[in-house]
């Protein structure tokens, strides 16, 4: 029998019994079953406008605690310079990173040893709607696509298909985008002379 490795969040353990994800999920399962309200979390980002005379660039602060600054530009298709990632790029990044993270979590839980992952996401939009050139064109991305490449060992095709199906089901960003979620809006508008 092989000795078990110590579990760390950076370790990639390949046996089901030694899965750091399984151990953490067991603790979380107990917590969330006994106190369901503890399963509710809130993620947030914030833009505090600076250099407001520049219509094509801003900075988003990602995460309420860390406030990681990330520069955002506007796509050239709507008049920007596209010199920084635009919100559509960020949407793709959010989907790709969530999907890949979900694959890592599930593969660890299933004892699959990942050797390579590549997740590429794309979104497509006809910008005539947002520019109000053609009111029949909807404002919003008309399609999104995920391309997944996985190389793994300690597995088989059936288990890898289960992994992809599980990632599709459990990826929060994927499920949010494909189902849609209502967005509420509060506005505090002030006019100064």
N, C-alpha and C. Protein backbone atom coordinates (compact mmCIF):
# COMPACT_ATOMS: atom_id res chain seq x y z
N UNK A 1 0.85 -1.18 0.00
CA UNK A 1 0.00 0.00 0.00
C UNK A 1 0.89 1.24 0.00
N UNK A 2 0.52 2.23 -0.87
CA UNK A 2 1.28 3.48 -0.95
C UNK A 2 0.99 4.36 0.25
N UNK A 3 2.04 5.01 0.80
CA UNK A 3 1.77 5.95 1.89
C UNK A 3 1.02 7.16 1.38
N UNK A 4 0.15 7.71 2.21
CA UNK A 4 -0.61 8.89 1.83
C UNK A 4 0.23 10.14 2.02
N UNK A 5 0.07 11.07 1.09
CA UNK A 5 0.74 12.37 1.21
C UNK A 5 -0.11 13.26 2.10
N UNK A 6 0.55 14.23 2.74
CA UNK A 6 -0.18 15.23 3.51
C UNK A 6 -0.98 16.09 2.54
N UNK A 7 -2.17 16.47 2.92
CA UNK A 7 -3.01 17.29 2.08
C UNK A 7 -2.69 18.76 2.27
N UNK A 8 -2.44 19.44 1.17
CA UNK A 8 -2.29 20.89 1.17
C UNK A 8 -3.11 21.42 0.02
N UNK A 9 -3.46 22.69 0.09
CA UNK A 9 -4.26 23.25 -1.00
C UNK A 9 -3.47 23.31 -2.29
N UNK A 10 -2.12 23.27 -2.21
CA UNK A 10 -1.31 23.32 -3.43
C UNK A 10 -1.02 21.92 -3.95
N UNK A 11 -1.30 20.90 -3.16
CA UNK A 11 -1.01 19.54 -3.58
C UNK A 11 -2.04 19.02 -4.55
N UNK A 12 -1.63 18.18 -5.47
CA UNK A 12 -2.55 17.56 -6.40
C UNK A 12 -2.56 16.08 -6.10
N UNK A 13 -3.45 15.66 -5.24
CA UNK A 13 -3.47 14.28 -4.82
C UNK A 13 -4.32 13.45 -5.75
N UNK A 14 -3.87 12.24 -6.00
CA UNK A 14 -4.52 11.46 -7.03
C UNK A 14 -5.34 10.29 -6.51
N UNK A 15 -5.40 10.09 -5.21
CA UNK A 15 -6.22 8.99 -4.70
C UNK A 15 -7.46 9.56 -4.04
N UNK A 16 -8.55 8.90 -4.25
CA UNK A 16 -9.83 9.41 -3.75
C UNK A 16 -9.84 9.62 -2.25
N UNK A 17 -9.25 8.70 -1.51
CA UNK A 17 -9.25 8.80 -0.06
C UNK A 17 -8.42 9.97 0.45
N UNK A 18 -7.47 10.41 -0.32
CA UNK A 18 -6.57 11.48 0.12
C UNK A 18 -6.96 12.83 -0.45
N UNK A 19 -8.12 12.95 -1.01
CA UNK A 19 -8.54 14.19 -1.66
C UNK A 19 -8.73 15.32 -0.66
N UNK A 20 -7.95 16.38 -0.81
CA UNK A 20 -8.09 17.56 0.03
C UNK A 20 -9.47 18.19 -0.19
N UNK A 21 -9.97 18.14 -1.42
CA UNK A 21 -11.29 18.68 -1.72
C UNK A 21 -12.36 17.89 -0.97
N UNK A 22 -12.25 16.57 -1.01
CA UNK A 22 -13.24 15.73 -0.31
C UNK A 22 -13.24 16.03 1.19
N UNK A 23 -12.06 16.18 1.77
CA UNK A 23 -11.97 16.48 3.20
C UNK A 23 -12.62 17.83 3.51
N UNK A 24 -12.31 18.85 2.72
CA UNK A 24 -12.88 20.18 2.97
C UNK A 24 -14.38 20.21 2.71
N UNK A 25 -14.81 19.49 1.66
CA UNK A 25 -16.25 19.46 1.35
C UNK A 25 -17.03 18.74 2.44
N UNK A 26 -16.44 17.74 3.06
CA UNK A 26 -17.11 17.05 4.16
C UNK A 26 -17.36 18.01 5.31
N UNK A 27 -16.34 18.81 5.64
CA UNK A 27 -16.51 19.81 6.72
C UNK A 27 -17.56 20.85 6.34
N UNK A 28 -17.50 21.33 5.09
CA UNK A 28 -18.47 22.33 4.65
C UNK A 28 -19.88 21.75 4.60
N UNK A 29 -20.00 20.50 4.17
CA UNK A 29 -21.30 19.85 4.11
C UNK A 29 -21.93 19.80 5.51
N UNK A 30 -21.14 19.42 6.49
CA UNK A 30 -21.64 19.38 7.87
C UNK A 30 -22.09 20.78 8.32
N UNK A 31 -21.25 21.78 8.04
CA UNK A 31 -21.56 23.15 8.45
C UNK A 31 -22.84 23.65 7.77
N UNK A 32 -22.94 23.46 6.44
CA UNK A 32 -24.07 24.00 5.69
C UNK A 32 -25.37 23.25 5.96
N UNK A 33 -25.26 21.98 6.33
CA UNK A 33 -26.47 21.23 6.70
C UNK A 33 -26.98 21.67 8.07
N UNK A 34 -26.07 21.96 8.99
CA UNK A 34 -26.52 22.36 10.33
C UNK A 34 -26.89 23.85 10.40
N UNK A 35 -26.24 24.68 9.57
CA UNK A 35 -26.56 26.12 9.55
C UNK A 35 -26.67 26.54 8.08
N UNK A 36 -27.82 26.29 7.43
CA UNK A 36 -27.96 26.59 6.00
C UNK A 36 -27.64 28.04 5.63
N UNK A 37 -27.89 28.98 6.52
CA UNK A 37 -27.62 30.39 6.20
C UNK A 37 -26.13 30.66 6.01
N UNK A 38 -25.27 29.79 6.54
CA UNK A 38 -23.83 30.00 6.39
C UNK A 38 -23.35 29.68 4.98
N UNK A 39 -24.19 29.08 4.15
CA UNK A 39 -23.81 28.76 2.78
C UNK A 39 -23.94 29.96 1.84
N UNK A 40 -24.57 31.02 2.31
CA UNK A 40 -24.74 32.23 1.50
C UNK A 40 -23.48 33.07 1.55
N UNK A 41 -22.93 33.41 0.39
CA UNK A 41 -21.76 34.27 0.31
C UNK A 41 -22.07 35.44 -0.62
N UNK A 42 -21.27 36.47 -0.55
CA UNK A 42 -21.42 37.61 -1.44
C UNK A 42 -20.07 37.94 -2.05
N UNK A 43 -19.97 37.96 -3.36
CA UNK A 43 -18.78 38.40 -4.07
C UNK A 43 -19.06 39.81 -4.57
N UNK A 44 -18.02 40.61 -4.70
CA UNK A 44 -18.25 41.98 -5.13
C UNK A 44 -17.04 42.55 -5.86
N UNK A 45 -17.30 43.49 -6.73
CA UNK A 45 -16.29 44.32 -7.37
C UNK A 45 -16.84 45.73 -7.37
N UNK A 46 -15.94 46.69 -7.54
CA UNK A 46 -16.35 48.08 -7.43
C UNK A 46 -15.51 48.94 -8.37
N UNK A 47 -16.15 49.91 -8.97
CA UNK A 47 -15.45 50.91 -9.77
C UNK A 47 -15.70 52.26 -9.10
N UNK A 48 -14.63 52.93 -8.74
CA UNK A 48 -14.72 54.29 -8.23
C UNK A 48 -14.10 55.17 -9.31
N UNK A 49 -14.95 55.90 -10.01
CA UNK A 49 -14.50 56.64 -11.18
C UNK A 49 -13.41 57.65 -10.88
N UNK A 50 -12.33 57.56 -11.63
CA UNK A 50 -11.26 58.56 -11.61
C UNK A 50 -11.02 58.95 -13.06
N UNK A 51 -10.40 60.08 -13.29
CA UNK A 51 -10.14 60.56 -14.65
C UNK A 51 -11.41 60.44 -15.50
N UNK A 52 -12.48 61.04 -15.01
CA UNK A 52 -13.80 60.88 -15.61
C UNK A 52 -13.93 61.52 -16.99
N UNK A 53 -12.93 62.27 -17.43
CA UNK A 53 -12.97 62.85 -18.77
C UNK A 53 -12.53 61.84 -19.82
N UNK A 54 -11.98 60.69 -19.39
CA UNK A 54 -11.58 59.62 -20.32
C UNK A 54 -12.75 58.65 -20.43
N UNK A 55 -13.46 58.65 -21.58
CA UNK A 55 -14.63 57.77 -21.69
C UNK A 55 -14.28 56.30 -21.98
N UNK A 56 -13.00 55.99 -22.19
CA UNK A 56 -12.64 54.66 -22.67
C UNK A 56 -11.84 53.80 -21.70
N UNK A 57 -11.54 54.27 -20.51
CA UNK A 57 -10.75 53.50 -19.57
C UNK A 57 -11.25 53.70 -18.14
N UNK A 58 -11.17 52.64 -17.35
CA UNK A 58 -11.50 52.73 -15.93
C UNK A 58 -10.71 51.66 -15.21
N UNK A 59 -10.89 51.58 -13.90
CA UNK A 59 -10.25 50.53 -13.10
C UNK A 59 -11.32 49.91 -12.20
N UNK A 60 -11.38 48.60 -12.23
CA UNK A 60 -12.30 47.89 -11.35
C UNK A 60 -11.49 47.32 -10.20
N UNK A 61 -12.02 47.44 -9.00
CA UNK A 61 -11.40 46.85 -7.82
C UNK A 61 -12.11 45.52 -7.56
N UNK A 62 -11.36 44.45 -7.71
CA UNK A 62 -11.94 43.11 -7.62
C UNK A 62 -11.80 42.58 -6.20
N UNK A 63 -12.90 42.16 -5.61
CA UNK A 63 -12.99 41.57 -4.28
C UNK A 63 -13.03 42.66 -3.22
N UNK A 64 -14.03 42.60 -2.36
CA UNK A 64 -14.19 43.61 -1.31
C UNK A 64 -13.03 43.66 -0.32
N UNK A 65 -12.43 42.52 -0.01
CA UNK A 65 -11.33 42.50 0.97
C UNK A 65 -10.00 42.88 0.33
N UNK A 66 -9.68 42.27 -0.81
CA UNK A 66 -8.37 42.49 -1.44
C UNK A 66 -8.32 43.75 -2.29
N UNK A 67 -9.46 44.13 -2.87
CA UNK A 67 -9.54 45.31 -3.74
C UNK A 67 -8.41 45.33 -4.78
N UNK A 68 -8.29 44.23 -5.52
CA UNK A 68 -7.25 44.11 -6.54
C UNK A 68 -7.61 45.02 -7.71
N UNK A 69 -6.75 46.01 -8.04
CA UNK A 69 -7.07 46.91 -9.14
C UNK A 69 -6.82 46.24 -10.49
N UNK A 70 -7.77 46.40 -11.41
CA UNK A 70 -7.63 45.81 -12.73
C UNK A 70 -8.11 46.82 -13.76
N UNK A 71 -7.24 47.20 -14.67
CA UNK A 71 -7.57 48.20 -15.68
C UNK A 71 -8.52 47.62 -16.73
N UNK A 72 -9.50 48.41 -17.11
CA UNK A 72 -10.52 48.01 -18.09
C UNK A 72 -10.55 49.06 -19.20
N UNK A 73 -10.62 48.58 -20.42
CA UNK A 73 -10.77 49.46 -21.57
C UNK A 73 -12.10 49.19 -22.26
N UNK A 74 -12.34 49.94 -23.31
CA UNK A 74 -13.56 49.77 -24.11
C UNK A 74 -13.17 49.19 -25.46
N UNK A 75 -13.95 48.26 -25.95
CA UNK A 75 -13.69 47.58 -27.22
C UNK A 75 -13.73 48.57 -28.37
N UNK A 76 -12.85 48.35 -29.34
CA UNK A 76 -12.81 49.23 -30.52
C UNK A 76 -14.10 49.18 -31.33
N UNK A 77 -14.85 48.10 -31.19
CA UNK A 77 -16.10 47.96 -31.94
C UNK A 77 -17.16 48.95 -31.48
N UNK A 78 -16.98 49.53 -30.29
CA UNK A 78 -17.91 50.55 -29.81
C UNK A 78 -17.20 51.88 -29.58
N UNK A 79 -16.04 52.07 -30.24
CA UNK A 79 -15.35 53.35 -30.24
C UNK A 79 -14.14 53.45 -29.34
N UNK A 80 -13.88 52.42 -28.54
CA UNK A 80 -12.73 52.47 -27.62
C UNK A 80 -11.42 52.16 -28.32
N UNK A 81 -10.36 52.17 -27.53
CA UNK A 81 -9.03 51.86 -28.04
C UNK A 81 -8.66 50.39 -27.85
N UNK A 82 -9.41 49.68 -27.04
CA UNK A 82 -9.15 48.27 -26.71
C UNK A 82 -7.69 48.07 -26.32
N UNK A 83 -7.21 49.00 -25.48
CA UNK A 83 -5.83 48.91 -24.99
C UNK A 83 -5.72 48.19 -23.65
N UNK A 84 -6.85 47.84 -23.08
CA UNK A 84 -6.92 47.01 -21.87
C UNK A 84 -8.04 46.01 -22.10
N UNK A 85 -8.09 44.93 -21.32
CA UNK A 85 -9.22 44.01 -21.45
C UNK A 85 -10.53 44.77 -21.25
N UNK A 86 -11.54 44.38 -22.03
CA UNK A 86 -12.84 45.04 -21.91
C UNK A 86 -13.79 44.16 -21.09
N UNK A 87 -14.96 44.67 -20.74
CA UNK A 87 -15.88 43.88 -19.92
C UNK A 87 -16.24 42.52 -20.54
N UNK A 88 -16.34 42.43 -21.86
CA UNK A 88 -16.60 41.13 -22.48
C UNK A 88 -15.46 40.16 -22.26
N UNK A 89 -14.22 40.68 -22.33
CA UNK A 89 -13.06 39.84 -22.01
C UNK A 89 -13.14 39.36 -20.57
N UNK A 90 -13.56 40.25 -19.67
CA UNK A 90 -13.68 39.88 -18.26
C UNK A 90 -14.75 38.82 -18.05
N UNK A 91 -15.84 38.93 -18.81
CA UNK A 91 -16.89 37.91 -18.74
C UNK A 91 -16.33 36.56 -19.18
N UNK A 92 -15.59 36.56 -20.28
CA UNK A 92 -14.95 35.32 -20.74
C UNK A 92 -13.96 34.80 -19.71
N UNK A 93 -13.17 35.70 -19.12
CA UNK A 93 -12.19 35.30 -18.11
C UNK A 93 -12.89 34.69 -16.89
N UNK A 94 -14.00 35.28 -16.50
CA UNK A 94 -14.75 34.77 -15.36
C UNK A 94 -15.27 33.36 -15.64
N UNK A 95 -15.82 33.17 -16.83
CA UNK A 95 -16.34 31.85 -17.20
C UNK A 95 -15.20 30.83 -17.31
N UNK A 96 -14.11 31.19 -17.99
CA UNK A 96 -12.99 30.25 -18.16
C UNK A 96 -12.38 29.87 -16.83
N UNK A 97 -12.15 30.86 -15.96
CA UNK A 97 -11.50 30.57 -14.68
C UNK A 97 -12.41 29.77 -13.75
N UNK A 98 -13.70 30.06 -13.76
CA UNK A 98 -14.64 29.30 -12.94
C UNK A 98 -14.73 27.85 -13.43
N UNK A 99 -14.81 27.68 -14.76
CA UNK A 99 -14.94 26.33 -15.33
C UNK A 99 -13.68 25.51 -15.04
N UNK A 100 -12.49 26.13 -15.20
CA UNK A 100 -11.25 25.41 -14.96
C UNK A 100 -11.08 25.08 -13.49
N UNK A 101 -11.43 26.02 -12.61
CA UNK A 101 -11.36 25.76 -11.17
C UNK A 101 -12.29 24.63 -10.77
N UNK A 102 -13.47 24.61 -11.36
CA UNK A 102 -14.44 23.55 -11.07
C UNK A 102 -13.90 22.20 -11.52
N UNK A 103 -13.25 22.16 -12.68
CA UNK A 103 -12.62 20.92 -13.16
C UNK A 103 -11.55 20.45 -12.18
N UNK A 104 -10.73 21.37 -11.68
CA UNK A 104 -9.68 21.01 -10.72
C UNK A 104 -10.28 20.42 -9.45
N UNK A 105 -11.32 21.07 -8.94
CA UNK A 105 -11.95 20.61 -7.69
C UNK A 105 -12.55 19.22 -7.87
N UNK A 106 -13.32 19.04 -8.95
CA UNK A 106 -13.98 17.75 -9.16
C UNK A 106 -12.96 16.66 -9.46
N UNK A 107 -11.92 16.97 -10.25
CA UNK A 107 -10.92 15.94 -10.56
C UNK A 107 -10.18 15.50 -9.30
N UNK A 108 -9.90 16.45 -8.40
CA UNK A 108 -9.25 16.08 -7.15
C UNK A 108 -10.16 15.16 -6.34
N UNK A 109 -11.43 15.49 -6.30
CA UNK A 109 -12.39 14.70 -5.55
C UNK A 109 -12.54 13.29 -6.14
N UNK A 110 -12.44 13.19 -7.49
CA UNK A 110 -12.59 11.90 -8.16
C UNK A 110 -11.28 11.12 -8.24
N UNK A 111 -10.16 11.73 -7.81
CA UNK A 111 -8.88 11.04 -7.88
C UNK A 111 -8.27 11.04 -9.27
N UNK A 112 -8.68 11.97 -10.13
CA UNK A 112 -8.12 12.08 -11.48
C UNK A 112 -6.89 12.96 -11.42
N UNK A 113 -5.78 12.49 -11.96
CA UNK A 113 -4.56 13.31 -11.99
C UNK A 113 -4.53 14.09 -13.29
N UNK A 114 -4.70 15.40 -13.18
CA UNK A 114 -4.66 16.27 -14.35
C UNK A 114 -3.22 16.53 -14.75
N UNK A 115 -2.94 16.42 -16.04
CA UNK A 115 -1.62 16.74 -16.57
C UNK A 115 -1.65 18.06 -17.34
N UNK A 116 -2.80 18.37 -17.94
CA UNK A 116 -2.94 19.60 -18.70
C UNK A 116 -4.41 20.00 -18.72
N UNK A 117 -4.66 21.29 -18.56
CA UNK A 117 -6.00 21.83 -18.80
C UNK A 117 -5.86 23.07 -19.65
N UNK A 118 -6.79 23.24 -20.56
CA UNK A 118 -6.87 24.48 -21.33
C UNK A 118 -8.35 24.76 -21.56
N UNK A 119 -8.80 25.87 -21.04
CA UNK A 119 -10.19 26.28 -21.20
C UNK A 119 -10.18 27.60 -21.96
N UNK A 120 -10.79 27.63 -23.10
CA UNK A 120 -10.90 28.87 -23.89
C UNK A 120 -12.37 29.22 -24.02
N UNK A 121 -12.71 30.43 -23.65
CA UNK A 121 -14.10 30.86 -23.77
C UNK A 121 -14.16 32.02 -24.75
N UNK A 122 -15.22 32.05 -25.50
CA UNK A 122 -15.45 33.14 -26.45
C UNK A 122 -16.90 33.58 -26.34
N UNK A 123 -17.13 34.85 -26.60
CA UNK A 123 -18.50 35.33 -26.67
C UNK A 123 -18.65 36.16 -27.95
N UNK A 124 -19.85 36.18 -28.48
CA UNK A 124 -20.09 36.90 -29.73
C UNK A 124 -21.27 37.85 -29.55
N UNK A 125 -21.12 39.02 -30.16
CA UNK A 125 -22.17 40.03 -30.05
C UNK A 125 -22.21 40.85 -31.33
N UNK A 126 -23.40 41.24 -31.72
CA UNK A 126 -23.61 42.22 -32.79
C UNK A 126 -23.79 43.55 -32.07
N UNK A 127 -22.81 44.45 -32.17
CA UNK A 127 -22.81 45.69 -31.38
C UNK A 127 -23.78 46.75 -31.90
N UNK A 128 -24.48 46.48 -32.99
CA UNK A 128 -25.44 47.47 -33.50
C UNK A 128 -26.55 47.75 -32.49
N UNK A 129 -26.86 46.75 -31.65
CA UNK A 129 -27.90 46.95 -30.63
C UNK A 129 -27.47 47.95 -29.57
N UNK A 130 -26.27 47.76 -29.03
CA UNK A 130 -25.81 48.66 -27.97
C UNK A 130 -25.53 50.06 -28.49
N UNK A 131 -25.17 50.20 -29.76
CA UNK A 131 -24.94 51.52 -30.36
C UNK A 131 -26.24 52.14 -30.88
N UNK A 132 -27.37 51.45 -30.70
CA UNK A 132 -28.70 51.92 -31.10
C UNK A 132 -28.78 52.23 -32.60
N UNK A 133 -28.03 51.44 -33.38
CA UNK A 133 -28.07 51.57 -34.84
C UNK A 133 -29.27 50.80 -35.39
N UNK A 134 -29.53 49.64 -34.78
CA UNK A 134 -30.63 48.78 -35.22
C UNK A 134 -31.34 48.27 -33.97
N UNK A 135 -32.55 48.77 -33.71
CA UNK A 135 -33.27 48.41 -32.50
C UNK A 135 -33.75 46.96 -32.48
N UNK A 136 -33.70 46.28 -33.64
CA UNK A 136 -34.10 44.88 -33.67
C UNK A 136 -32.97 43.96 -33.18
N UNK A 137 -31.76 44.49 -33.08
CA UNK A 137 -30.62 43.69 -32.60
C UNK A 137 -30.58 43.77 -31.08
N UNK A 138 -30.63 42.63 -30.39
CA UNK A 138 -30.63 42.66 -28.93
C UNK A 138 -29.29 43.17 -28.38
N UNK A 139 -29.38 43.85 -27.24
CA UNK A 139 -28.17 44.28 -26.55
C UNK A 139 -27.76 43.14 -25.63
N UNK A 140 -26.60 42.62 -25.85
CA UNK A 140 -26.11 41.48 -25.06
C UNK A 140 -25.42 40.49 -25.95
N UNK A 141 -24.63 39.63 -25.34
CA UNK A 141 -23.94 38.60 -26.11
C UNK A 141 -24.97 37.61 -26.64
N UNK A 142 -24.89 37.33 -27.93
CA UNK A 142 -25.83 36.39 -28.53
C UNK A 142 -25.40 34.93 -28.37
N UNK A 143 -24.09 34.72 -28.15
CA UNK A 143 -23.63 33.34 -27.94
C UNK A 143 -22.32 33.34 -27.15
N UNK A 144 -22.13 32.27 -26.41
CA UNK A 144 -20.87 32.03 -25.71
C UNK A 144 -20.48 30.58 -25.95
N UNK A 145 -19.17 30.33 -25.98
CA UNK A 145 -18.67 28.99 -26.27
C UNK A 145 -17.51 28.66 -25.34
N UNK A 146 -17.46 27.42 -24.87
CA UNK A 146 -16.35 26.93 -24.04
C UNK A 146 -15.67 25.80 -24.80
N UNK A 147 -14.36 25.92 -24.94
CA UNK A 147 -13.56 24.84 -25.53
C UNK A 147 -12.69 24.28 -24.42
N UNK A 148 -12.78 22.97 -24.20
CA UNK A 148 -12.08 22.32 -23.09
C UNK A 148 -11.08 21.31 -23.65
N UNK A 149 -9.83 21.42 -23.19
CA UNK A 149 -8.82 20.41 -23.49
C UNK A 149 -8.28 19.91 -22.15
N UNK A 150 -8.37 18.62 -21.95
CA UNK A 150 -7.88 18.00 -20.71
C UNK A 150 -7.01 16.81 -21.06
N UNK A 151 -5.85 16.71 -20.44
CA UNK A 151 -5.02 15.53 -20.48
C UNK A 151 -4.89 15.05 -19.04
N UNK A 152 -5.16 13.77 -18.82
CA UNK A 152 -5.15 13.25 -17.45
C UNK A 152 -4.68 11.81 -17.44
N UNK A 153 -4.29 11.34 -16.25
CA UNK A 153 -4.00 9.91 -16.08
C UNK A 153 -4.77 9.42 -14.87
N UNK A 154 -4.70 8.14 -14.62
CA UNK A 154 -5.47 7.51 -13.53
C UNK A 154 -6.97 7.60 -13.82
N UNK A 155 -7.37 7.51 -15.08
CA UNK A 155 -8.78 7.71 -15.40
C UNK A 155 -9.15 6.95 -16.66
N UNK A 156 -10.37 7.16 -17.10
CA UNK A 156 -10.85 6.59 -18.36
C UNK A 156 -11.79 7.61 -19.01
N UNK A 157 -12.23 7.31 -20.22
CA UNK A 157 -13.08 8.25 -20.96
C UNK A 157 -14.40 8.51 -20.25
N UNK A 158 -14.99 7.47 -19.67
CA UNK A 158 -16.26 7.63 -18.97
C UNK A 158 -16.12 8.59 -17.79
N UNK A 159 -15.04 8.44 -17.01
CA UNK A 159 -14.84 9.31 -15.85
C UNK A 159 -14.55 10.75 -16.28
N UNK A 160 -13.81 10.92 -17.39
CA UNK A 160 -13.55 12.28 -17.89
C UNK A 160 -14.84 12.94 -18.38
N UNK A 161 -15.71 12.17 -19.01
CA UNK A 161 -17.01 12.72 -19.42
C UNK A 161 -17.85 13.10 -18.20
N UNK A 162 -17.76 12.29 -17.13
CA UNK A 162 -18.43 12.62 -15.88
C UNK A 162 -17.85 13.92 -15.31
N UNK A 163 -16.53 14.08 -15.42
CA UNK A 163 -15.87 15.29 -14.95
C UNK A 163 -16.39 16.53 -15.68
N UNK A 164 -16.48 16.45 -17.01
CA UNK A 164 -16.96 17.59 -17.80
C UNK A 164 -18.43 17.88 -17.47
N UNK A 165 -19.24 16.84 -17.38
CA UNK A 165 -20.66 17.01 -17.04
C UNK A 165 -20.79 17.64 -15.65
N UNK A 166 -19.98 17.18 -14.71
CA UNK A 166 -20.01 17.73 -13.36
C UNK A 166 -19.57 19.18 -13.32
N UNK A 167 -18.54 19.52 -14.11
CA UNK A 167 -18.07 20.91 -14.18
C UNK A 167 -19.15 21.81 -14.77
N UNK A 168 -19.80 21.33 -15.80
CA UNK A 168 -20.87 22.11 -16.43
C UNK A 168 -22.00 22.36 -15.43
N UNK A 169 -22.31 21.35 -14.64
CA UNK A 169 -23.38 21.47 -13.65
C UNK A 169 -22.99 22.38 -12.48
N UNK A 170 -21.73 22.26 -12.01
CA UNK A 170 -21.32 22.92 -10.77
C UNK A 170 -20.62 24.26 -10.96
N UNK A 171 -20.30 24.63 -12.19
CA UNK A 171 -19.63 25.91 -12.44
C UNK A 171 -20.64 27.03 -12.26
N UNK A 172 -20.43 27.83 -11.21
CA UNK A 172 -21.40 28.87 -10.85
C UNK A 172 -21.57 29.89 -11.96
N UNK A 173 -20.48 30.33 -12.57
CA UNK A 173 -20.57 31.34 -13.62
C UNK A 173 -21.30 30.77 -14.84
N UNK A 174 -21.00 29.54 -15.21
CA UNK A 174 -21.68 28.90 -16.35
C UNK A 174 -23.18 28.83 -16.10
N UNK A 175 -23.57 28.35 -14.92
CA UNK A 175 -24.99 28.22 -14.61
C UNK A 175 -25.68 29.58 -14.54
N UNK A 176 -24.99 30.59 -14.04
CA UNK A 176 -25.58 31.93 -13.97
C UNK A 176 -25.82 32.48 -15.37
N UNK A 177 -24.83 32.33 -16.24
CA UNK A 177 -24.96 32.87 -17.60
C UNK A 177 -26.04 32.12 -18.38
N UNK A 178 -26.01 30.78 -18.32
CA UNK A 178 -26.96 30.03 -19.16
C UNK A 178 -28.39 30.14 -18.66
N UNK A 179 -28.60 30.38 -17.38
CA UNK A 179 -29.96 30.52 -16.85
C UNK A 179 -30.38 31.97 -16.74
N UNK A 180 -29.40 32.85 -16.60
CA UNK A 180 -29.72 34.26 -16.39
C UNK A 180 -30.11 34.49 -14.94
N UNK A 181 -29.86 35.68 -14.48
CA UNK A 181 -30.21 36.02 -13.10
C UNK A 181 -30.72 37.46 -13.10
N UNK A 182 -31.79 37.72 -12.36
CA UNK A 182 -32.30 39.09 -12.30
C UNK A 182 -31.25 40.02 -11.68
N UNK A 183 -31.16 41.22 -12.20
CA UNK A 183 -30.24 42.22 -11.67
C UNK A 183 -31.07 43.37 -11.12
N UNK A 184 -30.87 43.68 -9.85
CA UNK A 184 -31.53 44.84 -9.27
C UNK A 184 -30.60 46.03 -9.39
N UNK A 185 -31.15 47.22 -9.35
CA UNK A 185 -30.35 48.43 -9.49
C UNK A 185 -30.89 49.50 -8.58
N UNK A 186 -30.01 50.10 -7.80
CA UNK A 186 -30.34 51.27 -6.99
C UNK A 186 -29.49 52.41 -7.51
N UNK A 187 -30.07 53.57 -7.69
CA UNK A 187 -29.33 54.73 -8.19
C UNK A 187 -29.52 55.92 -7.26
N UNK A 188 -28.41 56.54 -6.88
CA UNK A 188 -28.44 57.77 -6.10
C UNK A 188 -27.87 58.86 -7.01
N UNK A 189 -28.73 59.66 -7.59
CA UNK A 189 -28.34 60.64 -8.60
C UNK A 189 -28.35 62.04 -7.98
N UNK A 190 -27.23 62.74 -8.19
CA UNK A 190 -27.12 64.10 -7.67
C UNK A 190 -26.75 65.04 -8.81
N UNK A 191 -27.32 66.21 -8.80
CA UNK A 191 -27.00 67.23 -9.80
C UNK A 191 -26.39 68.40 -9.07
N UNK A 192 -25.22 68.83 -9.54
CA UNK A 192 -24.56 69.99 -8.93
C UNK A 192 -24.45 71.07 -9.99
N UNK A 193 -24.66 72.30 -9.57
CA UNK A 193 -24.54 73.43 -10.49
C UNK A 193 -23.14 74.00 -10.45
